[in-house]
């Protein structure tokens, strides 16, 4: 099972590329991790049946719809004002 997770992580890196992954905020990264865990479970823990489109689709869902960059920036501004 751990080997499957490692292989899936490598696959995600191949599909998204290091630049997209490095640009994720903490909250986007956590949300995307949850999305990929759900996707992995939906495929009965078999990364080989997960398509590139599904991997990219979850990335787009998180970075454009759930936690778009504008939201992340506004959250940072509000957090800084509270301090």
PDB file of N, CA and C in Angstrom:
ATOM      1  N   UNK A   1       0.825  -1.199   0.000  1.00  0.00           N
ATOM      2  CA  UNK A   1       0.000   0.000   0.000  1.00  0.00           C
ATOM      3  C   UNK A   1       0.868   1.261   0.000  1.00  0.00           C
ATOM      4  N   UNK A   2       1.907   1.285   0.815  1.00  0.00           N
ATOM      5  CA  UNK A   2       2.808   2.443   0.863  1.00  0.00           C
ATOM      6  C   UNK A   2       3.469   2.650  -0.499  1.00  0.00           C
ATOM      7  N   UNK A   3       3.815   1.565  -1.159  1.00  0.00           N
ATOM      8  CA  UNK A   3       4.437   1.648  -2.491  1.00  0.00           C
ATOM      9  C   UNK A   3       3.462   2.284  -3.484  1.00  0.00           C
ATOM     10  N   UNK A   4       2.188   1.927  -3.373  1.00  0.00           N
ATOM     11  CA  UNK A   4       1.167   2.508  -4.248  1.00  0.00           C
ATOM     12  C   UNK A   4       1.084   4.025  -4.036  1.00  0.00           C
ATOM     13  N   UNK A   5       1.125   4.447  -2.768  1.00  0.00           N
ATOM     14  CA  UNK A   5       1.084   5.881  -2.454  1.00  0.00           C
ATOM     15  C   UNK A   5       2.297   6.596  -3.039  1.00  0.00           C
ATOM     16  N   UNK A   6       3.457   6.000  -2.922  1.00  0.00           N
ATOM     17  CA  UNK A   6       4.678   6.606  -3.471  1.00  0.00           C
ATOM     18  C   UNK A   6       4.584   6.718  -4.991  1.00  0.00           C
ATOM     19  N   UNK A   7       4.093   5.669  -5.623  1.00  0.00           N
ATOM     20  CA  UNK A   7       3.950   5.697  -7.080  1.00  0.00           C
ATOM     21  C   UNK A   7       2.931   6.745  -7.512  1.00  0.00           C
ATOM     22  N   UNK A   8       1.850   6.871  -6.749  1.00  0.00           N
ATOM     23  CA  UNK A   8       0.847   7.881  -7.074  1.00  0.00           C
ATOM     24  C   UNK A   8       1.421   9.280  -6.905  1.00  0.00           C
ATOM     25  N   UNK A   9       2.202   9.487  -5.852  1.00  0.00           N
ATOM     26  CA  UNK A   9       2.839  10.795  -5.632  1.00  0.00           C
ATOM     27  C   UNK A   9       3.765  11.148  -6.791  1.00  0.00           C
ATOM     28  N   UNK A  10       4.518  10.185  -7.271  1.00  0.00           N
ATOM     29  CA  UNK A  10       5.402  10.415  -8.425  1.00  0.00           C
ATOM     30  C   UNK A  10       4.580  10.764  -9.655  1.00  0.00           C
ATOM     31  N   UNK A  11       3.461  10.084  -9.818  1.00  0.00           N
ATOM     32  CA  UNK A  11       2.590  10.334 -10.960  1.00  0.00           C
ATOM     33  C   UNK A  11       2.027  11.748 -10.911  1.00  0.00           C
ATOM     34  N   UNK A  12       1.600  12.183  -9.728  1.00  0.00           N
ATOM     35  CA  UNK A  12       1.077  13.542  -9.557  1.00  0.00           C
ATOM     36  C   UNK A  12       2.161  14.556  -9.925  1.00  0.00           C
ATOM     37  N   UNK A  13       3.371  14.325  -9.475  1.00  0.00           N
ATOM     38  CA  UNK A  13       4.489  15.212  -9.796  1.00  0.00           C
ATOM     39  C   UNK A  13       4.724  15.274 -11.301  1.00  0.00           C
ATOM     40  N   UNK A  14       4.651  14.134 -11.968  1.00  0.00           N
ATOM     41  CA  UNK A  14       4.838  14.096 -13.426  1.00  0.00           C
ATOM     42  C   UNK A  14       3.752  14.885 -14.142  1.00  0.00           C
ATOM     43  N   UNK A  15       2.512  14.742 -13.694  1.00  0.00           N
ATOM     44  CA  UNK A  15       1.384  15.400 -14.359  1.00  0.00           C
ATOM     45  C   UNK A  15       1.384  16.906 -14.092  1.00  0.00           C
ATOM     46  N   UNK A  16       1.572  17.291 -12.832  1.00  0.00           N
ATOM     47  CA  UNK A  16       1.490  18.709 -12.473  1.00  0.00           C
ATOM     48  C   UNK A  16       2.780  19.472 -12.725  1.00  0.00           C
ATOM     49  N   UNK A  17       3.906  18.822 -12.538  1.00  0.00           N
ATOM     50  CA  UNK A  17       5.188  19.509 -12.645  1.00  0.00           C
ATOM     51  C   UNK A  17       5.530  20.210 -11.346  1.00  0.00           C
ATOM     52  N   UNK A  18       6.797  20.371 -11.114  1.00  0.00           N
ATOM     53  CA  UNK A  18       7.284  20.931  -9.856  1.00  0.00           C
ATOM     54  C   UNK A  18       6.855  22.385  -9.666  1.00  0.00           C
ATOM     55  N   UNK A  19       6.771  23.154 -10.747  1.00  0.00           N
ATOM     56  CA  UNK A  19       6.403  24.572 -10.627  1.00  0.00           C
ATOM     57  C   UNK A  19       4.996  24.756 -10.056  1.00  0.00           C
ATOM     58  N   UNK A  20       4.039  23.970 -10.546  1.00  0.00           N
ATOM     59  CA  UNK A  20       2.672  24.081 -10.021  1.00  0.00           C
ATOM     60  C   UNK A  20       2.637  23.701  -8.541  1.00  0.00           C
ATOM     61  N   UNK A  21       3.355  22.657  -8.205  1.00  0.00           N
ATOM     62  CA  UNK A  21       3.352  22.188  -6.816  1.00  0.00           C
ATOM     63  C   UNK A  21       3.996  23.222  -5.893  1.00  0.00           C
ATOM     64  N   UNK A  22       5.085  23.826  -6.328  1.00  0.00           N
ATOM     65  CA  UNK A  22       5.774  24.826  -5.504  1.00  0.00           C
ATOM     66  C   UNK A  22       4.930  26.075  -5.285  1.00  0.00           C
ATOM     67  N   UNK A  23       4.045  26.391  -6.232  1.00  0.00           N
ATOM     68  CA  UNK A  23       3.220  27.599  -6.123  1.00  0.00           C
ATOM     69  C   UNK A  23       2.019  27.442  -5.197  1.00  0.00           C
ATOM     70  N   UNK A  24       1.738  26.227  -4.759  1.00  0.00           N
ATOM     71  CA  UNK A  24       0.579  26.009  -3.892  1.00  0.00           C
ATOM     72  C   UNK A  24       0.763  26.680  -2.534  1.00  0.00           C
ATOM     73  N   UNK A  25      -0.289  27.305  -2.047  1.00  0.00           N
ATOM     74  CA  UNK A  25      -0.269  27.808  -0.673  1.00  0.00           C
ATOM     75  C   UNK A  25      -0.476  26.616   0.258  1.00  0.00           C
ATOM     76  N   UNK A  26      -0.292  26.833   1.544  1.00  0.00           N
ATOM     77  CA  UNK A  26      -0.491  25.748   2.514  1.00  0.00           C
ATOM     78  C   UNK A  26      -1.908  25.189   2.448  1.00  0.00           C
ATOM     79  N   UNK A  27      -2.879  26.082   2.388  1.00  0.00           N
ATOM     80  CA  UNK A  27      -4.272  25.631   2.386  1.00  0.00           C
ATOM     81  C   UNK A  27      -4.625  24.909   1.085  1.00  0.00           C
ATOM     82  N   UNK A  28      -4.081  25.375  -0.043  1.00  0.00           N
ATOM     83  CA  UNK A  28      -4.297  24.687  -1.310  1.00  0.00           C
ATOM     84  C   UNK A  28      -3.654  23.300  -1.280  1.00  0.00           C
ATOM     85  N   UNK A  29      -2.454  23.234  -0.717  1.00  0.00           N
ATOM     86  CA  UNK A  29      -1.748  21.949  -0.655  1.00  0.00           C
ATOM     87  C   UNK A  29      -2.521  20.941   0.200  1.00  0.00           C
ATOM     88  N   UNK A  30      -3.017  21.375   1.340  1.00  0.00           N
ATOM     89  CA  UNK A  30      -3.789  20.478   2.210  1.00  0.00           C
ATOM     90  C   UNK A  30      -5.062  20.016   1.519  1.00  0.00           C
ATOM     91  N   UNK A  31      -5.747  20.945   0.870  1.00  0.00           N
ATOM     92  CA  UNK A  31      -6.977  20.597   0.170  1.00  0.00           C
ATOM     93  C   UNK A  31      -6.692  19.633  -0.981  1.00  0.00           C
ATOM     94  N   UNK A  32      -5.625  19.890  -1.717  1.00  0.00           N
ATOM     95  CA  UNK A  32      -5.267  19.023  -2.832  1.00  0.00           C
ATOM     96  C   UNK A  32      -4.869  17.636  -2.334  1.00  0.00           C
ATOM     97  N   UNK A  33      -4.154  17.567  -1.228  1.00  0.00           N
ATOM     98  CA  UNK A  33      -3.822  16.268  -0.630  1.00  0.00           C
ATOM     99  C   UNK A  33      -5.095  15.488  -0.314  1.00  0.00           C
ATOM    100  N   UNK A  34      -6.075  16.175   0.253  1.00  0.00           N
ATOM    101  CA  UNK A  34      -7.356  15.519   0.559  1.00  0.00           C
ATOM    102  C   UNK A  34      -8.058  15.055  -0.709  1.00  0.00           C
ATOM    103  N   UNK A  35      -8.035  15.897  -1.737  1.00  0.00           N
ATOM    104  CA  UNK A  35      -8.653  15.532  -3.009  1.00  0.00           C
ATOM    105  C   UNK A  35      -7.985  14.291  -3.608  1.00  0.00           C
ATOM    106  N   UNK A  36      -6.665  14.260  -3.568  1.00  0.00           N
ATOM    107  CA  UNK A  36      -5.949  13.113  -4.135  1.00  0.00           C
ATOM    108  C   UNK A  36      -6.141  11.856  -3.302  1.00  0.00           C
ATOM    109  N   UNK A  37      -6.259  12.008  -1.986  1.00  0.00           N
ATOM    110  CA  UNK A  37      -6.549  10.844  -1.140  1.00  0.00           C
ATOM    111  C   UNK A  37      -7.917  10.267  -1.504  1.00  0.00           C
ATOM    112  N   UNK A  38      -8.902  11.149  -1.659  1.00  0.00           N
ATOM    113  CA  UNK A  38     -10.240  10.696  -2.054  1.00  0.00           C
ATOM    114  C   UNK A  38     -10.203  10.012  -3.417  1.00  0.00           C
ATOM    115  N   UNK A  39      -9.494  10.601  -4.361  1.00  0.00           N
ATOM    116  CA  UNK A  39      -9.379  10.031  -5.702  1.00  0.00           C
ATOM    117  C   UNK A  39      -8.727   8.652  -5.650  1.00  0.00           C
ATOM    118  N   UNK A  40      -7.664   8.540  -4.875  1.00  0.00           N
ATOM    119  CA  UNK A  40      -6.949   7.277  -4.714  1.00  0.00           C
ATOM    120  C   UNK A  40      -7.892   6.208  -4.155  1.00  0.00           C
ATOM    121  N   UNK A  41      -8.682   6.575  -3.159  1.00  0.00           N
ATOM    122  CA  UNK A  41      -9.634   5.637  -2.562  1.00  0.00           C
ATOM    123  C   UNK A  41     -10.753   5.273  -3.533  1.00  0.00           C
ATOM    124  N   UNK A  42     -11.202   6.259  -4.341  1.00  0.00           N
ATOM    125  CA  UNK A  42     -12.244   5.988  -5.339  1.00  0.00           C
ATOM    126  C   UNK A  42     -11.792   4.953  -6.358  1.00  0.00           C
ATOM    127  N   UNK A  43     -10.491   4.883  -6.569  1.00  0.00           N
ATOM    128  CA  UNK A  43      -9.915   3.914  -7.504  1.00  0.00           C
ATOM    129  C   UNK A  43      -9.388   2.680  -6.773  1.00  0.00           C
ATOM    130  N   UNK A  44      -9.932   2.432  -5.579  1.00  0.00           N
ATOM    131  CA  UNK A  44      -9.561   1.257  -4.783  1.00  0.00           C
ATOM    132  C   UNK A  44      -8.059   1.148  -4.567  1.00  0.00           C
ATOM    133  N   UNK A  45      -7.445   2.296  -4.287  1.00  0.00           N
ATOM    134  CA  UNK A  45      -6.010   2.375  -3.991  1.00  0.00           C
ATOM    135  C   UNK A  45      -5.127   1.849  -5.126  1.00  0.00           C
ATOM    136  N   UNK A  46      -5.622   1.995  -6.344  1.00  0.00           N
ATOM    137  CA  UNK A  46      -4.855   1.575  -7.520  1.00  0.00           C
ATOM    138  C   UNK A  46      -4.561   2.805  -8.372  1.00  0.00           C
ATOM    139  N   UNK A  47      -3.356   3.342  -8.238  1.00  0.00           N
ATOM    140  CA  UNK A  47      -3.008   4.577  -8.950  1.00  0.00           C
ATOM    141  C   UNK A  47      -2.990   4.394 -10.459  1.00  0.00           C
ATOM    142  N   UNK A  48      -2.809   3.172 -10.929  1.00  0.00           N
ATOM    143  CA  UNK A  48      -2.697   2.924 -12.372  1.00  0.00           C
ATOM    144  C   UNK A  48      -3.996   3.210 -13.124  1.00  0.00           C
ATOM    145  N   UNK A  49      -5.124   3.194 -12.419  1.00  0.00           N
ATOM    146  CA  UNK A  49      -6.401   3.452 -13.096  1.00  0.00           C
ATOM    147  C   UNK A  49      -6.782   4.930 -13.078  1.00  0.00           C
ATOM    148  N   UNK A  50      -5.976   5.761 -12.427  1.00  0.00           N
ATOM    149  CA  UNK A  50      -6.247   7.200 -12.353  1.00  0.00           C
ATOM    150  C   UNK A  50      -5.655   7.877 -13.585  1.00  0.00           C
ATOM    151  N   UNK A  51      -6.465   8.671 -14.255  1.00  0.00           N
ATOM    152  CA  UNK A  51      -6.005   9.327 -15.478  1.00  0.00           C
ATOM    153  C   UNK A  51      -5.318  10.658 -15.170  1.00  0.00           C
ATOM    154  N   UNK A  52      -4.516  11.104 -16.127  1.00  0.00           N
ATOM    155  CA  UNK A  52      -3.888  12.421 -16.006  1.00  0.00           C
ATOM    156  C   UNK A  52      -4.954  13.507 -15.885  1.00  0.00           C
ATOM    157  N   UNK A  53      -6.054  13.336 -16.604  1.00  0.00           N
ATOM    158  CA  UNK A  53      -7.132  14.313 -16.585  1.00  0.00           C
ATOM    159  C   UNK A  53      -7.753  14.412 -15.189  1.00  0.00           C
ATOM    160  N   UNK A  54      -7.875  13.284 -14.491  1.00  0.00           N
ATOM    161  CA  UNK A  54      -8.419  13.310 -13.135  1.00  0.00           C
ATOM    162  C   UNK A  54      -7.470  14.037 -12.185  1.00  0.00           C
ATOM    163  N   UNK A  55      -6.179  13.791 -12.340  1.00  0.00           N
ATOM    164  CA  UNK A  55      -5.182  14.460 -11.500  1.00  0.00           C
ATOM    165  C   UNK A  55      -5.220  15.965 -11.745  1.00  0.00           C
ATOM    166  N   UNK A  56      -5.222  16.374 -13.000  1.00  0.00           N
ATOM    167  CA  UNK A  56      -5.254  17.792 -13.337  1.00  0.00           C
ATOM    168  C   UNK A  56      -6.594  18.399 -12.939  1.00  0.00           C
ATOM    169  N   UNK A  57      -7.660  17.648 -13.083  1.00  0.00           N
ATOM    170  CA  UNK A  57      -8.987  18.146 -12.722  1.00  0.00           C
ATOM    171  C   UNK A  57      -9.092  18.491 -11.243  1.00  0.00           C
ATOM    172  N   UNK A  58      -8.512  17.660 -10.399  1.00  0.00           N
ATOM    173  CA  UNK A  58      -8.535  17.941  -8.963  1.00  0.00           C
ATOM    174  C   UNK A  58      -7.685  19.172  -8.650  1.00  0.00           C
ATOM    175  N   UNK A  59      -6.582  19.328  -9.369  1.00  0.00           N
ATOM    176  CA  UNK A  59      -5.734  20.513  -9.193  1.00  0.00           C
ATOM    177  C   UNK A  59      -6.525  21.775  -9.546  1.00  0.00           C
ATOM    178  N   UNK A  60      -7.194  21.751 -10.670  1.00  0.00           N
ATOM    179  CA  UNK A  60      -7.989  22.901 -11.113  1.00  0.00           C
ATOM    180  C   UNK A  60      -9.125  23.168 -10.127  1.00  0.00           C
ATOM    181  N   UNK A  61      -9.773  22.123  -9.661  1.00  0.00           N
ATOM    182  CA  UNK A  61     -10.847  22.283  -8.688  1.00  0.00           C
ATOM    183  C   UNK A  61     -10.366  23.059  -7.469  1.00  0.00           C
ATOM    184  N   UNK A  62      -9.220  22.671  -6.935  1.00  0.00           N
ATOM    185  CA  UNK A  62      -8.703  23.316  -5.723  1.00  0.00           C
ATOM    186  C   UNK A  62      -8.191  24.723  -6.010  1.00  0.00           C
ATOM    187  N   UNK A  63      -7.388  24.884  -7.057  1.00  0.00           N
ATOM    188  CA  UNK A  63      -6.706  26.163  -7.281  1.00  0.00           C
ATOM    189  C   UNK A  63      -7.558  27.217  -7.990  1.00  0.00           C
ATOM    190  N   UNK A  64      -8.652  26.802  -8.620  1.00  0.00           N
ATOM    191  CA  UNK A  64      -9.484  27.779  -9.314  1.00  0.00           C
ATOM    192  C   UNK A  64     -10.881  27.934  -8.717  1.00  0.00           C
ATOM    193  N   UNK A  65     -11.344  26.918  -7.969  1.00  0.00           N
ATOM    194  CA  UNK A  65     -12.720  26.963  -7.481  1.00  0.00           C
ATOM    195  C   UNK A  65     -12.835  26.939  -5.957  1.00  0.00           C
ATOM    196  N   UNK A  66     -12.094  26.067  -5.292  1.00  0.00           N
ATOM    197  CA  UNK A  66     -12.200  25.976  -3.829  1.00  0.00           C
ATOM    198  C   UNK A  66     -11.366  27.064  -3.162  1.00  0.00           C
ATOM    199  N   UNK A  67     -10.085  27.102  -3.485  1.00  0.00           N
ATOM    200  CA  UNK A  67      -9.166  28.104  -2.911  1.00  0.00           C
ATOM    201  C   UNK A  67      -8.372  28.789  -4.032  1.00  0.00           C
ATOM    202  N   UNK A  68      -9.042  29.634  -4.817  1.00  0.00           N
ATOM    203  CA  UNK A  68      -8.302  30.341  -5.874  1.00  0.00           C
ATOM    204  C   UNK A  68      -7.254  31.276  -5.254  1.00  0.00           C
ATOM    205  N   UNK A  69      -6.274  31.629  -6.041  1.00  0.00           N
ATOM    206  CA  UNK A  69      -5.188  32.485  -5.549  1.00  0.00           C
ATOM    207  C   UNK A  69      -5.705  33.774  -4.921  1.00  0.00           C
ATOM    208  N   UNK A  70      -6.757  34.345  -5.484  1.00  0.00           N
ATOM    209  CA  UNK A  70      -7.314  35.584  -4.949  1.00  0.00           C
ATOM    210  C   UNK A  70      -7.814  35.378  -3.521  1.00  0.00           C
ATOM    211  N   UNK A  71      -8.448  34.248  -3.270  1.00  0.00           N
ATOM    212  CA  UNK A  71      -8.930  33.929  -1.929  1.00  0.00           C
ATOM    213  C   UNK A  71      -7.762  33.791  -0.968  1.00  0.00           C
ATOM    214  N   UNK A  72      -6.732  33.095  -1.398  1.00  0.00           N
ATOM    215  CA  UNK A  72      -5.553  32.873  -0.555  1.00  0.00           C
ATOM    216  C   UNK A  72      -4.914  34.209  -0.194  1.00  0.00           C
ATOM    217  N   UNK A  73      -4.794  35.108  -1.162  1.00  0.00           N
ATOM    218  CA  UNK A  73      -4.198  36.424  -0.902  1.00  0.00           C
ATOM    219  C   UNK A  73      -5.049  37.237   0.064  1.00  0.00           C
ATOM    220  N   UNK A  74      -6.368  37.219  -0.123  1.00  0.00           N
ATOM    221  CA  UNK A  74      -7.249  37.955   0.780  1.00  0.00           C
ATOM    222  C   UNK A  74      -7.166  37.388   2.199  1.00  0.00           C
ATOM    223  N   UNK A  75      -7.084  36.082   2.319  1.00  0.00           N
ATOM    224  CA  UNK A  75      -6.971  35.448   3.635  1.00  0.00           C
ATOM    225  C   UNK A  75      -5.682  35.883   4.323  1.00  0.00           C
ATOM    226  N   UNK A  76      -4.588  35.986   3.564  1.00  0.00           N
ATOM    227  CA  UNK A  76      -3.310  36.447   4.132  1.00  0.00           C
ATOM    228  C   UNK A  76      -3.428  37.886   4.618  1.00  0.00           C
ATOM    229  N   UNK A  77      -4.052  38.748   3.814  1.00  0.00           N
ATOM    230  CA  UNK A  77      -4.222  40.151   4.182  1.00  0.00           C
ATOM    231  C   UNK A  77      -5.041  40.268   5.452  1.00  0.00           C
ATOM    232  N   UNK A  78      -6.139  39.545   5.527  1.00  0.00           N
ATOM    233  CA  UNK A  78      -7.001  39.595   6.710  1.00  0.00           C
ATOM    234  C   UNK A  78      -6.281  39.058   7.936  1.00  0.00           C
ATOM    235  N   UNK A  79      -5.533  38.006   7.757  1.00  0.00           N
ATOM    236  CA  UNK A  79      -4.789  37.436   8.883  1.00  0.00           C
ATOM    237  C   UNK A  79      -3.745  38.429   9.403  1.00  0.00           C
ATOM    238  N   UNK A  80      -3.069  39.112   8.496  1.00  0.00           N
ATOM    239  CA  UNK A  80      -2.065  40.091   8.897  1.00  0.00           C
ATOM    240  C   UNK A  80      -2.695  41.281   9.619  1.00  0.00           C
ATOM    241  N   UNK A  81      -3.897  41.667   9.229  1.00  0.00           N
ATOM    242  CA  UNK A  81      -4.584  42.781   9.894  1.00  0.00           C
ATOM    243  C   UNK A  81      -4.975  42.428  11.325  1.00  0.00           C
ATOM    244  N   UNK A  82      -5.235  41.135  11.562  1.00  0.00           N
ATOM    245  CA  UNK A  82      -5.624  40.680  12.894  1.00  0.00           C
ATOM    246  C   UNK A  82      -4.451  40.695  13.857  1.00  0.00           C
ATOM    247  N   UNK A  83      -3.252  40.624  13.338  1.00  0.00           N
ATOM    248  CA  UNK A  83      -2.068  40.523  14.208  1.00  0.00           C
ATOM    249  C   UNK A  83      -1.573  41.841  14.656  1.00  0.00           C
TER     250      UNK A  83
END
